[in-house]
Amino acid sequence: MTDKVYNILKYCALIAIPAIGTFYTTIASLWGWSYITEVSGTILAFDTLLGAFIGISSARYQPSPDGVLHVNPNTKETYAALTTPTEDVLNNGTMTLRVQESPDM
């Protein structure tokens, strides 16, 4: 799942669907519509299911590293070896590194 799709689904689960459910429940009770409980319950159940899928996706998400942070355990010296172009890292504003013990550096 791309970040864009994830963010859209997250917005739907956290903002849009609860707002639609609240709006329907309020309007339906004001206008005397039928099946208020059934429709509201269905909206809530769908929102809960979508939230569970988003939570699973978020828990499994591991961004691809932009490089390796080499750490010498004896001297505590470190250096980073990037695999992502520096310009891309600067444009993203964040960087993910895999940490690797390197006693021979």
N, C-alpha and C. Protein backbone atom coordinates (compact mmCIF):
# COMPACT_ATOMS: atom_id res chain seq x y z
N MET A 1 0.85 -1.17 0.00
CA MET A 1 0.00 0.00 0.00
C MET A 1 0.90 1.24 0.00
N THR A 2 0.60 2.17 -0.87
CA THR A 2 1.40 3.39 -0.93
C THR A 2 1.04 4.32 0.22
N ASP A 3 1.92 5.28 0.50
CA ASP A 3 1.65 6.26 1.55
C ASP A 3 0.38 7.06 1.24
N LYS A 4 0.18 7.38 -0.04
CA LYS A 4 -0.99 8.17 -0.43
C LYS A 4 -2.28 7.41 -0.12
N VAL A 5 -2.34 6.13 -0.50
CA VAL A 5 -3.53 5.31 -0.23
C VAL A 5 -3.74 5.18 1.28
N TYR A 6 -2.66 4.91 2.01
CA TYR A 6 -2.74 4.78 3.47
C TYR A 6 -3.31 6.05 4.09
N ASN A 7 -2.80 7.20 3.68
CA ASN A 7 -3.27 8.47 4.25
C ASN A 7 -4.73 8.75 3.92
N ILE A 8 -5.16 8.38 2.72
CA ILE A 8 -6.57 8.56 2.34
C ILE A 8 -7.46 7.65 3.19
N LEU A 9 -7.08 6.38 3.32
CA LEU A 9 -7.88 5.45 4.13
C LEU A 9 -7.90 5.86 5.60
N LYS A 10 -6.77 6.35 6.09
CA LYS A 10 -6.71 6.80 7.48
C LYS A 10 -7.64 7.99 7.69
N TYR A 11 -7.63 8.94 6.75
CA TYR A 11 -8.54 10.08 6.83
C TYR A 11 -10.00 9.61 6.84
N CYS A 12 -10.32 8.67 5.96
CA CYS A 12 -11.69 8.15 5.89
C CYS A 12 -12.09 7.52 7.22
N ALA A 13 -11.19 6.70 7.79
CA ALA A 13 -11.52 5.98 9.03
C ALA A 13 -11.60 6.91 10.23
N LEU A 14 -10.76 7.94 10.28
CA LEU A 14 -10.72 8.80 11.46
C LEU A 14 -11.65 10.01 11.38
N ILE A 15 -11.92 10.49 10.17
CA ILE A 15 -12.68 11.74 10.03
C ILE A 15 -13.98 11.54 9.24
N ALA A 16 -13.84 11.09 8.00
CA ALA A 16 -14.98 11.12 7.07
C ALA A 16 -16.10 10.17 7.48
N ILE A 17 -15.80 8.90 7.70
CA ILE A 17 -16.87 7.93 8.00
C ILE A 17 -17.56 8.23 9.32
N PRO A 18 -16.83 8.55 10.40
CA PRO A 18 -17.56 8.93 11.63
C PRO A 18 -18.42 10.18 11.43
N ALA A 19 -17.95 11.13 10.62
CA ALA A 19 -18.75 12.33 10.36
C ALA A 19 -20.02 11.99 9.59
N ILE A 20 -19.89 11.10 8.61
CA ILE A 20 -21.06 10.67 7.84
C ILE A 20 -22.05 9.94 8.75
N GLY A 21 -21.54 9.08 9.62
CA GLY A 21 -22.41 8.35 10.54
C GLY A 21 -23.14 9.28 11.49
N THR A 22 -22.43 10.25 12.02
CA THR A 22 -23.05 11.23 12.93
C THR A 22 -24.08 12.07 12.20
N PHE A 23 -23.73 12.50 10.99
CA PHE A 23 -24.66 13.30 10.19
C PHE A 23 -25.93 12.51 9.90
N TYR A 24 -25.77 11.26 9.45
CA TYR A 24 -26.94 10.44 9.14
C TYR A 24 -27.81 10.23 10.36
N THR A 25 -27.19 9.88 11.48
CA THR A 25 -27.96 9.61 12.71
C THR A 25 -28.75 10.85 13.13
N THR A 26 -28.12 12.00 13.07
CA THR A 26 -28.79 13.25 13.46
C THR A 26 -29.93 13.60 12.52
N ILE A 27 -29.65 13.59 11.23
CA ILE A 27 -30.67 13.95 10.24
C ILE A 27 -31.82 12.94 10.23
N ALA A 28 -31.48 11.67 10.32
CA ALA A 28 -32.52 10.63 10.30
C ALA A 28 -33.46 10.76 11.49
N SER A 29 -32.91 11.08 12.66
CA SER A 29 -33.79 11.22 13.82
C SER A 29 -34.62 12.51 13.74
N LEU A 30 -34.05 13.57 13.18
CA LEU A 30 -34.81 14.82 13.03
C LEU A 30 -35.95 14.68 12.03
N TRP A 31 -35.74 13.92 10.97
CA TRP A 31 -36.73 13.78 9.92
C TRP A 31 -37.57 12.52 10.04
N GLY A 32 -37.30 11.73 11.06
CA GLY A 32 -38.11 10.53 11.29
C GLY A 32 -37.88 9.42 10.28
N TRP A 33 -36.68 9.31 9.78
CA TRP A 33 -36.37 8.25 8.81
C TRP A 33 -36.36 6.89 9.49
N SER A 34 -36.56 5.87 8.73
CA SER A 34 -36.57 4.50 9.24
C SER A 34 -35.15 3.94 9.32
N TYR A 35 -35.01 2.88 10.07
CA TYR A 35 -33.76 2.08 10.14
C TYR A 35 -32.55 2.88 10.61
N ILE A 36 -32.75 3.80 11.53
CA ILE A 36 -31.64 4.62 12.02
C ILE A 36 -30.58 3.74 12.68
N THR A 37 -30.99 2.85 13.55
CA THR A 37 -30.04 1.99 14.26
C THR A 37 -29.30 1.08 13.29
N GLU A 38 -30.02 0.51 12.33
CA GLU A 38 -29.40 -0.41 11.39
C GLU A 38 -28.36 0.28 10.51
N VAL A 39 -28.71 1.44 9.97
CA VAL A 39 -27.78 2.16 9.09
C VAL A 39 -26.58 2.69 9.89
N SER A 40 -26.85 3.27 11.04
CA SER A 40 -25.76 3.78 11.88
C SER A 40 -24.83 2.65 12.33
N GLY A 41 -25.42 1.53 12.70
CA GLY A 41 -24.62 0.38 13.11
C GLY A 41 -23.77 -0.16 11.98
N THR A 42 -24.30 -0.16 10.77
CA THR A 42 -23.54 -0.61 9.59
C THR A 42 -22.37 0.33 9.31
N ILE A 43 -22.62 1.62 9.40
CA ILE A 43 -21.55 2.61 9.19
C ILE A 43 -20.46 2.42 10.24
N LEU A 44 -20.84 2.26 11.48
CA LEU A 44 -19.88 2.06 12.57
C LEU A 44 -19.09 0.77 12.38
N ALA A 45 -19.78 -0.32 11.99
CA ALA A 45 -19.09 -1.60 11.77
C ALA A 45 -18.08 -1.49 10.63
N PHE A 46 -18.46 -0.81 9.55
CA PHE A 46 -17.54 -0.63 8.42
C PHE A 46 -16.33 0.21 8.85
N ASP A 47 -16.57 1.26 9.61
CA ASP A 47 -15.48 2.11 10.08
C ASP A 47 -14.52 1.33 10.99
N THR A 48 -15.06 0.49 11.85
CA THR A 48 -14.23 -0.33 12.73
C THR A 48 -13.40 -1.31 11.93
N LEU A 49 -13.99 -1.94 10.92
CA LEU A 49 -13.26 -2.88 10.06
C LEU A 49 -12.14 -2.16 9.32
N LEU A 50 -12.44 -0.99 8.75
CA LEU A 50 -11.42 -0.22 8.04
C LEU A 50 -10.29 0.18 9.00
N GLY A 51 -10.63 0.60 10.20
CA GLY A 51 -9.62 0.95 11.20
C GLY A 51 -8.73 -0.23 11.56
N ALA A 52 -9.32 -1.42 11.64
CA ALA A 52 -8.52 -2.62 11.94
C ALA A 52 -7.55 -2.91 10.81
N PHE A 53 -8.00 -2.80 9.57
CA PHE A 53 -7.11 -3.02 8.42
C PHE A 53 -5.97 -2.00 8.40
N ILE A 54 -6.29 -0.76 8.69
CA ILE A 54 -5.26 0.28 8.72
C ILE A 54 -4.26 0.00 9.84
N GLY A 55 -4.76 -0.43 10.99
CA GLY A 55 -3.88 -0.75 12.11
C GLY A 55 -2.94 -1.90 11.79
N ILE A 56 -3.44 -2.92 11.12
CA ILE A 56 -2.60 -4.05 10.71
C ILE A 56 -1.55 -3.59 9.73
N SER A 57 -1.95 -2.79 8.77
CA SER A 57 -1.02 -2.27 7.76
C SER A 57 0.06 -1.42 8.43
N SER A 58 -0.34 -0.58 9.37
CA SER A 58 0.61 0.28 10.06
C SER A 58 1.59 -0.53 10.89
N ALA A 59 1.11 -1.58 11.55
CA ALA A 59 1.98 -2.42 12.38
C ALA A 59 3.00 -3.18 11.53
N ARG A 60 2.64 -3.55 10.32
CA ARG A 60 3.53 -4.30 9.44
C ARG A 60 4.46 -3.43 8.61
N TYR A 61 4.21 -2.13 8.62
CA TYR A 61 4.96 -1.22 7.75
C TYR A 61 6.40 -1.09 8.23
N GLN A 62 7.31 -1.35 7.35
CA GLN A 62 8.73 -1.14 7.62
C GLN A 62 9.31 -0.41 6.41
N PRO A 63 9.66 0.84 6.58
CA PRO A 63 10.19 1.58 5.44
C PRO A 63 11.52 1.00 4.99
N SER A 64 11.78 1.10 3.70
CA SER A 64 13.06 0.61 3.21
C SER A 64 14.15 1.56 3.70
N PRO A 65 15.27 1.01 4.17
CA PRO A 65 16.31 1.88 4.72
C PRO A 65 17.00 2.70 3.63
N ASP A 66 17.45 3.87 4.03
CA ASP A 66 18.18 4.75 3.14
C ASP A 66 19.69 4.50 3.21
N GLY A 67 20.07 3.56 4.05
CA GLY A 67 21.49 3.24 4.20
C GLY A 67 21.74 2.48 5.48
N VAL A 68 23.01 2.44 5.86
CA VAL A 68 23.42 1.68 7.04
C VAL A 68 24.21 2.60 7.97
N LEU A 69 23.90 2.54 9.26
CA LEU A 69 24.68 3.24 10.27
C LEU A 69 25.63 2.22 10.88
N HIS A 70 26.91 2.36 10.59
CA HIS A 70 27.92 1.45 11.12
C HIS A 70 28.37 1.95 12.49
N VAL A 71 28.38 1.06 13.47
CA VAL A 71 28.75 1.43 14.83
C VAL A 71 29.86 0.50 15.30
N ASN A 72 30.97 1.09 15.76
CA ASN A 72 32.04 0.31 16.37
C ASN A 72 31.72 0.19 17.85
N PRO A 73 31.46 -1.03 18.35
CA PRO A 73 31.05 -1.18 19.75
C PRO A 73 32.16 -0.84 20.74
N ASN A 74 33.40 -0.89 20.31
CA ASN A 74 34.53 -0.63 21.21
C ASN A 74 34.80 0.87 21.36
N THR A 75 34.85 1.56 20.24
CA THR A 75 35.19 2.99 20.26
C THR A 75 33.97 3.90 20.22
N LYS A 76 32.81 3.33 19.95
CA LYS A 76 31.54 4.07 19.81
C LYS A 76 31.56 5.01 18.59
N GLU A 77 32.54 4.82 17.69
CA GLU A 77 32.56 5.60 16.46
C GLU A 77 31.43 5.13 15.56
N THR A 78 30.88 6.06 14.80
CA THR A 78 29.80 5.73 13.86
C THR A 78 30.04 6.42 12.52
N TYR A 79 29.52 5.82 11.48
CA TYR A 79 29.43 6.50 10.19
C TYR A 79 28.27 5.91 9.42
N ALA A 80 27.69 6.74 8.58
CA ALA A 80 26.54 6.33 7.80
C ALA A 80 26.95 6.16 6.35
N ALA A 81 26.52 5.07 5.76
CA ALA A 81 26.72 4.82 4.33
C ALA A 81 25.34 4.82 3.68
N LEU A 82 25.06 5.88 2.91
CA LEU A 82 23.74 6.03 2.30
C LEU A 82 23.64 5.26 1.00
N THR A 83 22.47 4.65 0.80
CA THR A 83 22.16 4.01 -0.48
C THR A 83 21.18 4.85 -1.28
N THR A 84 20.49 5.75 -0.60
CA THR A 84 19.57 6.68 -1.25
C THR A 84 20.34 7.95 -1.58
N PRO A 85 20.13 8.51 -2.77
CA PRO A 85 20.83 9.75 -3.11
C PRO A 85 20.56 10.84 -2.07
N THR A 86 21.61 11.60 -1.75
CA THR A 86 21.50 12.65 -0.73
C THR A 86 20.38 13.64 -1.05
N GLU A 87 20.22 13.98 -2.31
CA GLU A 87 19.16 14.93 -2.70
C GLU A 87 17.78 14.39 -2.34
N ASP A 88 17.56 13.08 -2.54
CA ASP A 88 16.27 12.48 -2.18
C ASP A 88 16.04 12.52 -0.67
N VAL A 89 17.09 12.25 0.11
CA VAL A 89 16.97 12.30 1.57
C VAL A 89 16.63 13.72 2.02
N LEU A 90 17.29 14.70 1.43
CA LEU A 90 17.00 16.10 1.77
C LEU A 90 15.58 16.48 1.40
N ASN A 91 15.09 16.03 0.25
CA ASN A 91 13.73 16.34 -0.18
C ASN A 91 12.70 15.68 0.72
N ASN A 92 12.96 14.45 1.19
CA ASN A 92 12.03 13.74 2.07
C ASN A 92 11.99 14.33 3.47
N GLY A 93 13.12 14.86 3.92
CA GLY A 93 13.17 15.44 5.26
C GLY A 93 13.40 14.42 6.36
N THR A 94 13.42 13.14 6.02
CA THR A 94 13.70 12.10 7.00
C THR A 94 14.59 11.04 6.36
N MET A 95 15.20 10.23 7.22
CA MET A 95 16.08 9.18 6.73
C MET A 95 15.94 7.98 7.67
N THR A 96 15.89 6.79 7.09
CA THR A 96 15.83 5.55 7.86
C THR A 96 17.11 4.78 7.62
N LEU A 97 17.78 4.42 8.71
CA LEU A 97 19.04 3.67 8.59
C LEU A 97 18.93 2.34 9.32
N ARG A 98 19.55 1.34 8.75
CA ARG A 98 19.70 0.04 9.42
C ARG A 98 20.99 0.14 10.23
N VAL A 99 20.99 -0.30 11.49
CA VAL A 99 22.15 -0.21 12.35
C VAL A 99 22.92 -1.52 12.28
N GLN A 100 24.23 -1.41 12.06
CA GLN A 100 25.07 -2.60 11.93
C GLN A 100 26.32 -2.42 12.79
N GLU A 101 26.61 -3.42 13.58
CA GLU A 101 27.83 -3.40 14.40
C GLU A 101 29.03 -3.68 13.49
N SER A 102 30.02 -2.79 13.55
CA SER A 102 31.20 -2.91 12.69
C SER A 102 32.45 -2.71 13.55
N PRO A 103 32.95 -3.78 14.20
CA PRO A 103 34.09 -3.62 15.11
C PRO A 103 35.41 -3.32 14.40
N ASP A 104 35.50 -3.54 13.10
CA ASP A 104 36.75 -3.37 12.38
C ASP A 104 36.91 -2.01 11.72
N MET A 105 36.05 -1.05 12.04
CA MET A 105 36.18 0.24 11.36
C MET A 105 37.14 1.15 12.07
